[in-house]
Amino acid sequence: MEKRLIVAILLSIGVLYAYTFVFPPAKPAPTGNVAKQGTVSSATVATAATAAAPQAAPTAPIAVPSQPASTARDITVDTDLYSAVFSTQGAGLKKFVLKKYKDVAGAKGKGIVLVDEIAANRFSLLSDSRELGLNPNSMYAVAGNDLQLTNGNKGTLEFSTTTPQGVVFKKTYTFSGDSYRIDLVEQVQNAGAAQVSGALHLLQNARVVDQKAGGGRYEVYGPSTLTDNAVKSEKLDNLLKAPVQFDKGVLWSAFADKYFMDSVIAEKGSIAQVRLSRPGSDSMLRDIVSPAVSVAPGQSASVSYALYYGPKDLDILKAQGSRLEEVIDYGWFAAIAKPLVVFLKFLYKYTGNYGIAIIIITCILKALFFPLTHKSYKSMKDMQKIQPKMNELKEKHKNDRDAMNRAVMELYKTHKVNPLGGCLPMVVQIPVFFGLYRALMYSIELRHAPFYLWITDLSAKDPYYVTPLIMGATMFIQQKMTPTNMDPVQAKMMLMLPVVFTFMFLNFPSGLVIYWLVNNVLTIAQQMYINKTVTD
């Protein structure tokens, strides 16, 4: 039983790493975009879901905005964190570049481009409503000029247009110099003589990049929506077969890769429906539908959203509210991974190096589990000592299985040995291992974070494969030192695991390799101590 359980645990870990190796993540597109945004014709948008209308409020006499210019004009918003370009055509987002994150490490790196569209029909955050006569490519008048925001200063851009039905439609973006959050208010003012009703659509068309070439950022890539109290992630290939719709308690809808994302967050139930579809093989349409609005003549109604274009940083996402941090998929071990990420960032404040922080965490975890590991290896050595007697009993009762089982159990009782004592302590540590694995694999903090010497990016592989080879050697030493009661053939098969793991770790992020290497070194030291203290 002990042998089978050990083999099962090791093979499970091996399968996890083998899967990542056999199905490597795809390389990012040359532009480095998370998702290039755009829009499609309103004819492709589904009919809006009917929901409770936002509260309409009487307003002062509505002033019809001045006639928009016939040619589009760009408005630039520059903050400490990003640079964004909006267009008066569609009042949409034309370009969005992050300043504090680069596409490649080093001085040659350029800011990460989340949105970069040149053609007018590719702009993001365009509004559409057939019922209200709103065209996503309408020309807007704009109040204000380019914005330069620093030190937390706030600024707004207000776009307005009038539809053939006499509806004055306004889009107001509010920015802060020190935040990735952008507030968006869409306001419908009825300047006509008849009541108007309809839902507002916020359109985004993400260009799907080719993921077959390999790479890091697109290991996690696609749409996610927090709906009905759970995060639903859709595979892009499945959307080619049929569209997907969410209409229960939608809090946000995002499109993300491994490190960056864009998201539309509901404000006071402003998202009634999210519809995801693939109009083409190279694009994905996300249609954010508001509750239906009904506005009497001379009145107005508004719908509010929060927008987030930025990094998948756990602390920053938590600050946005609406459980936006759940866009980071830590898997089944999220309850362990999240505290480890927080602790990793805490240690970084004092060490200034994430590699050192990883080593400290590894040492702390090893110390915490020392009593369990000590018990595990003591049990293995005890099992190893009685192995000759077990072989004698198996030979003596080889024709009577029940008698053999009774004799073996009596042997365990006499020598006070638990056959599962060597395995159960290791099983307890497995969730922590996987939690730390997920924490290190998906932490943007490790992206382009240097360690020492030739390791300049903890999220990338060791360029010279030094640490994976040393890791494999320490794993082999550890394997030879571990007490075992396996037969020689099984023992030789287990010695192949270091070779397999070394081969898989060659392309793993160096931060993970450092963790595994340090863990192996500590385990070797621990086994040497245990071998001296546990006498034969």
Protein backbone atom coordinates (compact mmCIF):
# COMPACT_ATOMS: atom_id res chain seq x y z
CA MET A 1 0.00 0.00 0.00
CA GLU A 2 2.85 2.37 0.89
CA LYS A 3 4.62 1.76 -2.40
CA ARG A 4 1.47 2.32 -4.43
CA LEU A 5 0.60 5.53 -2.62
CA ILE A 6 4.09 6.97 -3.05
CA VAL A 7 4.13 6.08 -6.74
CA ALA A 8 0.64 7.58 -7.17
CA ILE A 9 1.67 10.86 -5.51
CA LEU A 10 4.84 11.19 -7.56
CA LEU A 11 3.11 10.29 -10.80
CA SER A 12 0.35 12.83 -10.07
CA ILE A 13 2.94 15.58 -9.69
CA GLY A 14 4.71 14.30 -12.80
CA VAL A 15 1.49 14.41 -14.83
CA LEU A 16 0.88 18.02 -13.75
CA TYR A 17 4.26 19.12 -15.05
CA ALA A 18 4.15 16.85 -18.09
CA TYR A 19 0.86 18.41 -19.19
CA THR A 20 2.38 21.89 -19.06
CA PHE A 21 5.37 20.65 -21.05
CA VAL A 22 3.41 18.73 -23.70
CA PHE A 23 0.85 21.53 -24.12
CA PRO A 24 3.00 24.64 -23.76
CA PRO A 25 1.44 28.11 -23.60
CA ALA A 26 1.32 30.14 -26.77
CA LYS A 27 3.58 33.03 -27.64
CA PRO A 28 2.17 36.53 -27.51
CA ALA A 29 1.44 38.38 -30.68
CA PRO A 30 4.22 40.72 -31.82
CA THR A 31 2.29 43.76 -30.63
CA GLY A 32 1.93 42.31 -27.11
CA ASN A 33 -1.77 43.12 -26.88
CA VAL A 34 -3.98 41.39 -24.35
CA ALA A 35 -6.89 41.76 -26.72
CA LYS A 36 -7.21 44.21 -29.55
CA GLN A 37 -10.58 45.78 -29.13
CA GLY A 38 -13.10 46.86 -31.70
CA THR A 39 -16.74 46.76 -32.65
CA VAL A 40 -19.06 45.16 -35.13
CA SER A 41 -22.18 46.26 -36.89
CA SER A 42 -25.22 46.60 -34.65
CA ALA A 43 -26.91 43.95 -36.78
CA THR A 44 -24.73 41.34 -35.09
CA VAL A 45 -25.85 42.28 -31.59
CA ALA A 46 -28.56 40.23 -29.87
CA THR A 47 -31.78 41.86 -28.68
CA ALA A 48 -31.33 43.42 -25.24
CA ALA A 49 -32.57 41.59 -22.18
CA THR A 50 -35.57 43.20 -20.50
CA ALA A 51 -34.90 44.22 -16.90
CA ALA A 52 -36.00 46.75 -14.36
CA ALA A 53 -35.43 50.24 -15.73
CA PRO A 54 -33.03 52.54 -13.90
CA GLN A 55 -34.70 55.37 -12.06
CA ALA A 56 -35.54 58.18 -14.47
CA ALA A 57 -35.13 61.67 -13.14
CA PRO A 58 -36.60 64.96 -14.30
CA THR A 59 -34.07 67.34 -15.66
CA ALA A 60 -33.81 70.94 -16.61
CA PRO A 61 -34.72 71.81 -20.20
CA ILE A 62 -32.47 69.68 -22.33
CA ALA A 63 -29.91 71.51 -24.39
CA VAL A 64 -29.20 69.80 -27.67
CA PRO A 65 -25.40 69.53 -28.05
CA SER A 66 -23.62 71.35 -30.78
CA GLN A 67 -23.26 69.59 -34.10
CA PRO A 68 -20.30 67.17 -34.01
CA ALA A 69 -17.48 67.76 -36.44
CA SER A 70 -17.67 65.78 -39.65
CA THR A 71 -14.19 64.34 -39.14
CA ALA A 72 -13.05 62.38 -36.12
CA ARG A 73 -10.73 63.92 -33.57
CA ASP A 74 -8.51 62.11 -31.08
CA ILE A 75 -8.38 62.98 -27.39
CA THR A 76 -5.39 61.78 -25.33
CA VAL A 77 -5.55 61.01 -21.62
CA ASP A 78 -2.11 60.67 -20.03
CA THR A 79 -1.72 59.53 -16.40
CA ASP A 80 1.05 58.15 -14.21
CA LEU A 81 -0.06 54.60 -15.05
CA TYR A 82 -1.23 54.64 -18.67
CA SER A 83 -1.80 56.60 -21.83
CA ALA A 84 -5.21 56.32 -23.54
CA VAL A 85 -6.49 57.72 -26.83
CA PHE A 86 -10.23 58.21 -27.39
CA SER A 87 -11.93 59.16 -30.66
CA THR A 88 -14.96 61.37 -31.29
CA GLN A 89 -16.09 58.66 -33.70
CA GLY A 90 -18.15 56.39 -31.48
CA ALA A 91 -16.71 58.04 -28.34
CA GLY A 92 -14.66 54.87 -28.16
CA LEU A 93 -11.23 53.82 -26.98
CA LYS A 94 -8.66 53.80 -29.75
CA LYS A 95 -5.43 53.03 -27.90
CA PHE A 96 -4.40 52.07 -24.38
CA VAL A 97 -0.80 51.62 -23.25
CA LEU A 98 0.44 50.68 -19.77
CA LYS A 99 3.50 52.63 -18.66
CA LYS A 100 4.83 50.58 -15.74
CA TYR A 101 4.87 47.22 -17.57
CA LYS A 102 7.10 46.49 -20.57
CA ASP A 103 6.76 43.97 -23.37
CA VAL A 104 10.32 42.73 -22.84
CA ALA A 105 12.71 43.02 -19.91
CA GLY A 106 15.46 45.58 -20.03
CA ALA A 107 15.98 49.05 -21.40
CA LYS A 108 14.58 48.14 -24.82
CA GLY A 109 11.16 47.28 -23.40
CA LYS A 110 8.14 49.30 -24.50
CA GLY A 111 4.88 49.79 -22.63
CA ILE A 112 2.35 46.95 -22.79
CA VAL A 113 -0.29 47.78 -25.40
CA LEU A 114 -3.75 46.60 -24.35
CA VAL A 115 -5.64 48.36 -27.15
CA ASP A 116 -4.19 49.58 -30.43
CA GLU A 117 -6.67 50.05 -33.24
CA ILE A 118 -6.26 52.24 -36.30
CA ALA A 119 -9.40 51.49 -38.31
CA ALA A 120 -12.52 53.27 -37.01
CA ASN A 121 -14.54 50.07 -36.96
CA ARG A 122 -12.08 48.52 -34.50
CA PHE A 123 -12.52 51.02 -31.66
CA SER A 124 -13.47 49.73 -28.20
CA LEU A 125 -16.25 50.73 -25.78
CA LEU A 126 -18.63 51.78 -28.53
CA SER A 127 -22.31 52.21 -27.59
CA ASP A 128 -25.20 50.79 -29.58
CA SER A 129 -28.98 50.82 -29.22
CA ARG A 130 -31.26 50.21 -32.17
CA GLU A 131 -34.35 51.11 -30.12
CA LEU A 132 -32.94 54.54 -29.32
CA GLY A 133 -31.50 55.08 -32.79
CA LEU A 134 -27.93 55.01 -31.50
CA ASN A 135 -25.28 54.00 -34.03
CA PRO A 136 -21.93 52.68 -32.70
CA ASN A 137 -20.02 54.72 -35.31
CA SER A 138 -21.86 58.01 -34.70
CA MET A 139 -19.82 61.21 -34.53
CA TYR A 140 -19.77 62.86 -31.10
CA ALA A 141 -19.10 66.36 -29.87
CA VAL A 142 -16.61 66.44 -27.00
CA ALA A 143 -16.33 68.81 -24.06
CA GLY A 144 -12.69 69.17 -23.14
CA ASN A 145 -9.27 68.62 -24.59
CA ASP A 146 -6.32 66.34 -23.89
CA LEU A 147 -5.88 65.47 -20.21
CA GLN A 148 -2.60 65.27 -18.28
CA LEU A 149 -3.27 63.74 -14.84
CA THR A 150 -0.72 63.09 -12.11
CA ASN A 151 -0.63 62.53 -8.34
CA GLY A 152 -4.21 61.32 -8.13
CA ASN A 153 -5.75 64.32 -9.91
CA LYS A 154 -9.05 63.59 -11.62
CA GLY A 155 -10.37 64.60 -15.02
CA THR A 156 -13.37 63.90 -17.25
CA LEU A 157 -14.21 63.62 -20.93
CA GLU A 158 -17.82 64.11 -21.97
CA PHE A 159 -18.97 62.97 -25.41
CA SER A 160 -22.47 63.71 -26.71
CA THR A 161 -24.55 63.07 -29.80
CA THR A 162 -28.22 63.32 -30.84
CA THR A 163 -30.07 60.43 -32.45
CA PRO A 164 -32.83 60.77 -35.12
CA GLN A 165 -35.42 60.02 -32.38
CA GLY A 166 -34.42 63.21 -30.57
CA VAL A 167 -32.43 61.38 -27.90
CA VAL A 168 -29.40 63.21 -26.55
CA PHE A 169 -26.89 60.52 -25.62
CA LYS A 170 -23.87 61.34 -23.45
CA LYS A 171 -20.86 59.27 -22.45
CA THR A 172 -18.79 60.62 -19.57
CA TYR A 173 -15.43 59.05 -18.70
CA THR A 174 -13.81 59.94 -15.38
CA PHE A 175 -10.09 59.29 -14.88
CA SER A 176 -7.67 59.41 -11.96
CA GLY A 177 -3.96 59.97 -12.26
CA ASP A 178 -3.06 57.12 -9.89
CA SER A 179 -5.67 54.45 -10.68
CA TYR A 180 -6.39 51.98 -13.48
CA ARG A 181 -10.10 52.37 -12.78
CA ILE A 182 -12.13 54.47 -15.22
CA ASP A 183 -15.72 55.39 -14.43
CA LEU A 184 -18.16 55.47 -17.35
CA VAL A 185 -21.65 56.97 -17.25
CA GLU A 186 -24.00 56.62 -20.24
CA GLN A 187 -26.88 59.07 -20.07
CA VAL A 188 -30.04 59.12 -22.15
CA GLN A 189 -31.89 62.46 -22.33
CA ASN A 190 -35.22 62.57 -24.13
CA ALA A 191 -35.44 65.87 -26.01
CA GLY A 192 -38.27 64.59 -28.21
CA ALA A 193 -42.05 64.58 -27.84
CA ALA A 194 -42.59 60.83 -27.29
CA GLN A 195 -41.37 58.37 -24.70
CA VAL A 196 -38.35 56.28 -25.71
CA SER A 197 -37.37 52.84 -24.43
CA GLY A 198 -34.52 50.47 -25.06
CA ALA A 199 -31.36 48.87 -23.72
CA LEU A 200 -27.81 50.12 -24.17
CA HIS A 201 -25.12 47.87 -25.61
CA LEU A 202 -21.43 48.33 -24.86
CA LEU A 203 -19.52 46.53 -27.62
CA GLN A 204 -16.04 45.07 -27.60
CA ASN A 205 -14.56 42.83 -30.25
CA ALA A 206 -11.36 41.14 -29.07
CA ARG A 207 -9.02 40.01 -31.80
CA VAL A 208 -7.99 36.44 -31.05
CA VAL A 209 -4.26 35.81 -31.36
CA ASP A 210 -2.72 32.58 -32.58
CA GLN A 211 -1.80 30.48 -29.53
CA LYS A 212 -0.02 27.65 -31.35
CA ALA A 213 3.42 29.22 -31.40
CA GLY A 214 4.20 28.92 -27.67
CA GLY A 215 5.00 31.58 -25.03
CA GLY A 216 4.09 32.78 -21.56
CA ARG A 217 1.46 35.50 -21.56
CA TYR A 218 -1.22 33.47 -23.34
CA GLU A 219 -1.04 30.44 -21.09
CA VAL A 220 -4.31 31.79 -19.69
CA TYR A 221 -6.23 33.52 -22.45
CA GLY A 222 -9.88 34.26 -23.01
CA PRO A 223 -13.10 35.69 -21.56
CA SER A 224 -14.27 35.34 -17.96
CA THR A 225 -17.53 36.51 -16.39
CA LEU A 226 -18.61 36.59 -12.76
CA THR A 227 -22.24 35.55 -13.00
CA ASP A 228 -24.64 33.74 -10.70
CA ASN A 229 -22.03 33.94 -7.90
CA ALA A 230 -19.34 32.05 -9.85
CA VAL A 231 -16.64 32.85 -12.38
CA LYS A 232 -17.39 31.30 -15.77
CA SER A 233 -14.50 31.05 -18.22
CA GLU A 234 -15.22 30.14 -21.81
CA LYS A 235 -12.84 28.45 -24.23
CA LEU A 236 -12.48 30.45 -27.40
CA ASP A 237 -12.82 27.35 -29.58
CA ASN A 238 -16.22 26.58 -28.03
CA LEU A 239 -17.50 30.03 -29.00
CA LEU A 240 -16.93 29.13 -32.64
CA LYS A 241 -19.60 26.47 -32.25
CA ALA A 242 -22.25 28.50 -30.43
CA PRO A 243 -22.56 31.86 -28.63
CA VAL A 244 -22.76 31.97 -24.83
CA GLN A 245 -25.04 34.21 -22.82
CA PHE A 246 -25.04 35.15 -19.13
CA ASP A 247 -27.96 36.97 -17.53
CA LYS A 248 -27.95 36.10 -13.82
CA GLY A 249 -26.31 38.44 -11.33
CA VAL A 250 -23.48 39.59 -13.60
CA LEU A 251 -20.88 41.55 -11.61
CA TRP A 252 -18.21 41.87 -14.29
CA SER A 253 -17.03 40.55 -17.63
CA ALA A 254 -13.35 40.45 -18.57
CA PHE A 255 -10.95 39.40 -21.28
CA ALA A 256 -7.52 38.44 -19.96
CA ASP A 257 -4.25 36.74 -20.61
CA LYS A 258 -1.81 35.49 -17.97
CA TYR A 259 -0.78 38.91 -16.68
CA PHE A 260 -3.11 41.63 -18.04
CA MET A 261 -6.82 42.17 -18.58
CA ASP A 262 -9.64 44.51 -19.44
CA SER A 263 -12.95 44.39 -17.62
CA VAL A 264 -16.36 46.04 -17.53
CA ILE A 265 -17.70 46.08 -13.96
CA ALA A 266 -21.39 46.53 -13.12
CA GLU A 267 -22.44 49.48 -10.97
CA LYS A 268 -25.77 48.98 -9.14
CA GLY A 269 -26.89 46.18 -11.44
CA SER A 270 -26.02 47.97 -14.66
CA ILE A 271 -25.23 44.73 -16.53
CA ALA A 272 -28.34 42.74 -17.39
CA GLN A 273 -26.72 40.43 -19.90
CA VAL A 274 -23.37 39.46 -21.36
CA ARG A 275 -23.26 37.75 -24.73
CA LEU A 276 -20.06 36.17 -26.06
CA SER A 277 -19.71 35.05 -29.66
CA ARG A 278 -17.13 34.49 -32.39
CA PRO A 279 -18.14 36.40 -35.54
CA GLY A 280 -14.93 35.16 -37.14
CA SER A 281 -12.05 32.85 -36.41
CA ASP A 282 -9.81 35.79 -35.49
CA SER A 283 -12.24 37.75 -33.31
CA MET A 284 -14.52 37.49 -30.30
CA LEU A 285 -17.49 39.78 -29.66
CA ARG A 286 -18.44 40.74 -26.12
CA ASP A 287 -21.78 42.52 -25.89
CA ILE A 288 -22.51 44.14 -22.50
CA VAL A 289 -26.27 44.83 -22.29
CA SER A 290 -27.81 47.21 -19.76
CA PRO A 291 -31.27 46.90 -18.22
CA ALA A 292 -33.94 48.48 -20.40
CA VAL A 293 -34.39 52.22 -19.90
CA SER A 294 -37.68 54.05 -20.45
CA VAL A 295 -37.46 57.84 -20.61
CA ALA A 296 -40.38 60.23 -20.87
CA PRO A 297 -40.07 63.54 -22.77
CA GLY A 298 -37.94 66.02 -20.85
CA GLN A 299 -36.49 63.37 -18.56
CA SER A 300 -33.23 61.42 -18.46
CA ALA A 301 -31.84 58.12 -17.22
CA SER A 302 -28.29 56.89 -16.83
CA VAL A 303 -26.34 53.65 -16.60
CA SER A 304 -22.94 53.48 -14.88
CA TYR A 305 -20.00 51.12 -15.23
CA ALA A 306 -16.47 50.86 -13.90
CA LEU A 307 -13.76 49.98 -16.42
CA TYR A 308 -10.46 48.33 -15.57
CA TYR A 309 -7.56 48.11 -18.01
CA GLY A 310 -4.44 46.96 -16.25
CA PRO A 311 -2.37 44.23 -14.57
CA LYS A 312 -3.73 41.14 -12.83
CA ASP A 313 -2.26 42.24 -9.53
CA LEU A 314 -4.09 40.66 -6.59
CA ASP A 315 -4.03 43.75 -4.37
CA ILE A 316 -5.04 46.16 -7.13
CA LEU A 317 -7.90 43.93 -8.25
CA LYS A 318 -9.20 43.58 -4.69
CA ALA A 319 -9.32 47.37 -4.42
CA GLN A 320 -11.73 47.52 -7.38
CA GLY A 321 -14.38 45.57 -5.47
CA SER A 322 -17.01 43.31 -7.06
CA ARG A 323 -14.70 40.29 -6.46
CA LEU A 324 -12.63 41.26 -9.49
CA GLU A 325 -9.59 39.45 -8.02
CA GLU A 326 -11.33 36.15 -8.81
CA VAL A 327 -10.33 36.64 -12.44
CA ILE A 328 -6.97 35.15 -11.35
CA ASP A 329 -7.53 31.41 -11.45
CA TYR A 330 -5.57 29.80 -8.63
CA GLY A 331 -7.54 26.59 -9.04
CA TRP A 332 -8.67 24.37 -6.18
CA PHE A 333 -5.94 25.70 -3.93
CA ALA A 334 -6.85 29.39 -4.10
CA ALA A 335 -7.32 29.52 -0.32
CA ILE A 336 -3.64 28.63 0.04
CA ALA A 337 -2.26 30.43 -3.02
CA LYS A 338 -3.69 33.88 -2.21
CA PRO A 339 -2.13 34.16 1.28
CA LEU A 340 1.17 32.98 -0.17
CA VAL A 341 1.04 35.76 -2.79
CA VAL A 342 0.34 38.31 -0.06
CA PHE A 343 3.22 36.95 2.01
CA LEU A 344 5.51 36.96 -1.03
CA LYS A 345 4.81 40.66 -1.60
CA PHE A 346 5.31 41.34 2.13
CA LEU A 347 8.76 39.74 2.07
CA TYR A 348 9.66 41.68 -1.07
CA LYS A 349 9.21 44.95 0.83
CA TYR A 350 12.14 43.96 3.05
CA THR A 351 14.31 41.96 0.65
CA GLY A 352 13.84 43.93 -2.57
CA ASN A 353 14.21 40.68 -4.52
CA TYR A 354 11.44 38.21 -5.30
CA GLY A 355 13.96 35.39 -5.69
CA ILE A 356 15.11 35.90 -2.10
CA ALA A 357 11.45 36.10 -1.03
CA ILE A 358 10.78 32.72 -2.70
CA ILE A 359 13.75 31.18 -0.88
CA ILE A 360 12.54 32.54 2.48
CA ILE A 361 9.03 31.17 1.91
CA THR A 362 10.49 27.78 0.97
CA CYS A 363 12.56 27.70 4.18
CA ILE A 364 9.58 28.71 6.33
CA LEU A 365 7.35 26.03 4.79
CA LYS A 366 10.08 23.44 5.24
CA ALA A 367 10.43 24.38 8.91
CA LEU A 368 6.66 24.23 9.46
CA PHE A 369 6.46 20.74 7.96
CA PHE A 370 9.61 19.43 9.62
CA PRO A 371 7.75 17.44 12.32
CA LEU A 372 5.59 15.76 9.69
CA THR A 373 8.57 15.01 7.45
CA HIS A 374 10.54 13.66 10.40
CA LYS A 375 7.68 11.32 11.24
CA SER A 376 7.39 10.28 7.62
CA TYR A 377 11.05 9.32 7.21
CA LYS A 378 11.15 7.58 10.61
CA SER A 379 8.20 5.46 9.52
CA MET A 380 9.95 4.66 6.22
CA LYS A 381 13.08 3.53 8.04
CA ASP A 382 11.02 1.39 10.42
CA MET A 383 9.32 -0.22 7.45
CA GLN A 384 12.71 -0.77 5.86
CA LYS A 385 14.00 -2.55 9.00
CA ILE A 386 11.15 -5.09 9.08
CA GLN A 387 11.22 -5.68 5.32
CA PRO A 388 13.23 -8.98 5.63
CA LYS A 389 10.69 -10.34 8.12
CA MET A 390 7.83 -9.32 5.81
CA ASN A 391 9.48 -11.21 2.97
CA GLU A 392 9.77 -14.27 5.18
CA LEU A 393 6.08 -14.12 6.08
CA LYS A 394 5.07 -13.71 2.43
CA GLU A 395 7.15 -16.74 1.51
CA LYS A 396 5.79 -18.76 4.46
CA HIS A 397 2.13 -17.98 3.71
CA LYS A 398 2.35 -17.58 -0.05
CA ASN A 399 -0.52 -20.03 -0.55
CA ASP A 400 -2.77 -18.54 2.15
CA ARG A 401 -3.42 -14.84 1.54
CA ASP A 402 -5.60 -14.37 4.63
CA ALA A 403 -2.99 -15.93 6.89
CA MET A 404 -0.30 -13.78 5.32
CA ASN A 405 -2.32 -10.58 5.91
CA ARG A 406 -2.93 -11.55 9.55
CA ALA A 407 0.76 -12.29 10.08
CA VAL A 408 1.83 -8.99 8.47
CA MET A 409 -0.62 -7.00 10.60
CA GLU A 410 0.70 -8.76 13.71
CA LEU A 411 4.22 -7.84 12.63
CA TYR A 412 3.19 -4.17 12.31
CA LYS A 413 1.62 -4.33 15.78
CA THR A 414 4.64 -5.97 17.37
CA HIS A 415 7.10 -3.41 15.98
CA LYS A 416 4.64 -0.50 16.33
CA VAL A 417 4.86 0.39 12.65
CA ASN A 418 2.14 2.16 10.66
CA PRO A 419 2.36 1.28 6.94
CA LEU A 420 0.76 4.62 6.06
CA GLY A 421 2.97 6.62 8.42
CA GLY A 422 5.42 7.44 5.63
CA CYS A 423 2.78 8.65 3.23
CA LEU A 424 0.13 10.55 5.16
CA PRO A 425 2.46 13.38 6.25
CA MET A 426 3.45 13.88 2.61
CA VAL A 427 -0.20 13.93 1.53
CA VAL A 428 -0.84 16.79 3.97
CA GLN A 429 1.88 18.85 2.27
CA ILE A 430 0.60 18.35 -1.28
CA PRO A 431 -2.10 21.12 -1.14
CA VAL A 432 0.52 23.59 0.08
CA PHE A 433 2.87 22.58 -2.73
CA PHE A 434 0.20 23.06 -5.39
CA GLY A 435 -0.93 26.31 -3.79
CA LEU A 436 2.61 27.69 -3.95
CA TYR A 437 2.99 26.36 -7.48
CA ARG A 438 -0.11 28.28 -8.62
CA ALA A 439 0.93 31.38 -6.68
CA LEU A 440 4.32 31.51 -8.37
CA MET A 441 3.06 30.53 -11.82
CA TYR A 442 0.45 33.31 -12.08
CA SER A 443 2.00 36.13 -10.05
CA ILE A 444 2.61 39.21 -12.16
CA GLU A 445 5.12 40.25 -9.49
CA LEU A 446 7.61 37.72 -10.91
CA ARG A 447 7.23 39.06 -14.46
CA HIS A 448 10.57 40.61 -15.48
CA ALA A 449 11.68 40.48 -11.83
CA PRO A 450 15.46 39.84 -11.69
CA PHE A 451 17.22 37.49 -9.30
CA TYR A 452 21.02 37.45 -9.52
CA LEU A 453 23.71 36.85 -12.13
CA TRP A 454 22.25 35.43 -15.36
CA ILE A 455 18.66 35.13 -14.09
CA THR A 456 17.08 38.44 -15.10
CA ASP A 457 13.44 37.35 -15.26
CA LEU A 458 11.93 35.01 -12.66
CA SER A 459 8.89 34.41 -14.90
CA ALA A 460 11.07 33.15 -17.78
CA LYS A 461 13.14 29.99 -18.09
CA ASP A 462 16.78 29.86 -17.06
CA PRO A 463 18.53 30.88 -20.33
CA TYR A 464 21.48 28.58 -19.66
CA TYR A 465 19.54 25.75 -17.95
CA VAL A 466 21.90 25.83 -14.96
CA THR A 467 19.27 25.77 -12.21
CA PRO A 468 17.17 22.95 -13.78
CA LEU A 469 20.27 20.74 -14.10
CA ILE A 470 21.32 21.40 -10.52
CA MET A 471 17.73 20.77 -9.45
CA GLY A 472 17.79 17.40 -11.22
CA ALA A 473 21.05 16.46 -9.49
CA THR A 474 19.68 17.34 -6.04
CA MET A 475 16.51 15.39 -6.78
CA PHE A 476 18.64 12.35 -7.66
CA ILE A 477 20.61 12.67 -4.40
CA GLN A 478 17.38 13.05 -2.46
CA GLN A 479 15.97 9.95 -4.14
CA LYS A 480 19.03 7.88 -3.21
CA MET A 481 18.86 9.03 0.42
CA THR A 482 15.15 8.31 0.90
CA PRO A 483 14.46 5.06 2.81
CA THR A 484 12.48 2.58 0.74
CA ASN A 485 11.21 -0.96 0.89
CA MET A 486 10.69 -1.23 -2.85
CA ASP A 487 12.18 -4.12 -4.80
CA PRO A 488 15.26 -3.29 -6.96
CA VAL A 489 13.26 -2.99 -10.20
CA GLN A 490 10.82 -0.48 -8.69
CA ALA A 491 13.66 1.45 -7.08
CA LYS A 492 15.42 1.83 -10.44
CA MET A 493 12.20 3.04 -12.06
CA MET A 494 11.81 5.68 -9.35
CA LEU A 495 15.35 6.88 -10.03
CA MET A 496 14.17 7.88 -13.50
CA LEU A 497 11.93 10.56 -12.02
CA PRO A 498 14.78 13.08 -11.57
CA VAL A 499 15.61 12.74 -15.26
CA VAL A 500 11.97 13.24 -16.26
CA PHE A 501 11.53 16.23 -13.94
CA THR A 502 14.76 17.83 -15.13
CA PHE A 503 13.63 17.55 -18.73
CA MET A 504 10.27 19.16 -17.89
CA PHE A 505 11.80 21.92 -15.75
CA LEU A 506 14.09 23.13 -18.53
CA ASN A 507 11.40 25.50 -19.81
CA PHE A 508 9.70 26.28 -16.50
CA PRO A 509 9.82 29.80 -15.01
CA SER A 510 13.09 30.18 -13.12
CA GLY A 511 11.18 31.30 -10.01
CA LEU A 512 9.54 27.87 -9.81
CA VAL A 513 12.84 26.10 -10.47
CA ILE A 514 14.50 28.06 -7.66
CA TYR A 515 11.72 27.04 -5.30
CA TRP A 516 12.07 23.36 -6.22
CA LEU A 517 15.88 23.49 -6.08
CA VAL A 518 15.96 25.10 -2.63
CA ASN A 519 13.29 22.68 -1.41
CA ASN A 520 15.44 19.75 -2.58
CA VAL A 521 18.57 21.10 -0.87
CA LEU A 522 16.67 21.57 2.39
CA THR A 523 15.20 18.09 2.09
CA ILE A 524 18.69 16.59 1.64
CA ALA A 525 19.89 18.41 4.75
CA GLN A 526 16.79 17.26 6.59
CA GLN A 527 17.33 13.64 5.56
CA MET A 528 20.96 13.76 6.69
CA TYR A 529 19.80 15.02 10.09
CA ILE A 530 17.07 12.40 10.35
CA ASN A 531 19.47 9.59 9.34
CA LYS A 532 21.73 10.59 12.23
CA THR A 533 18.95 10.92 14.80
CA VAL A 534 16.89 7.86 13.83
CA THR A 535 19.04 4.89 14.76
CA ASP A 536 18.73 1.47 13.28
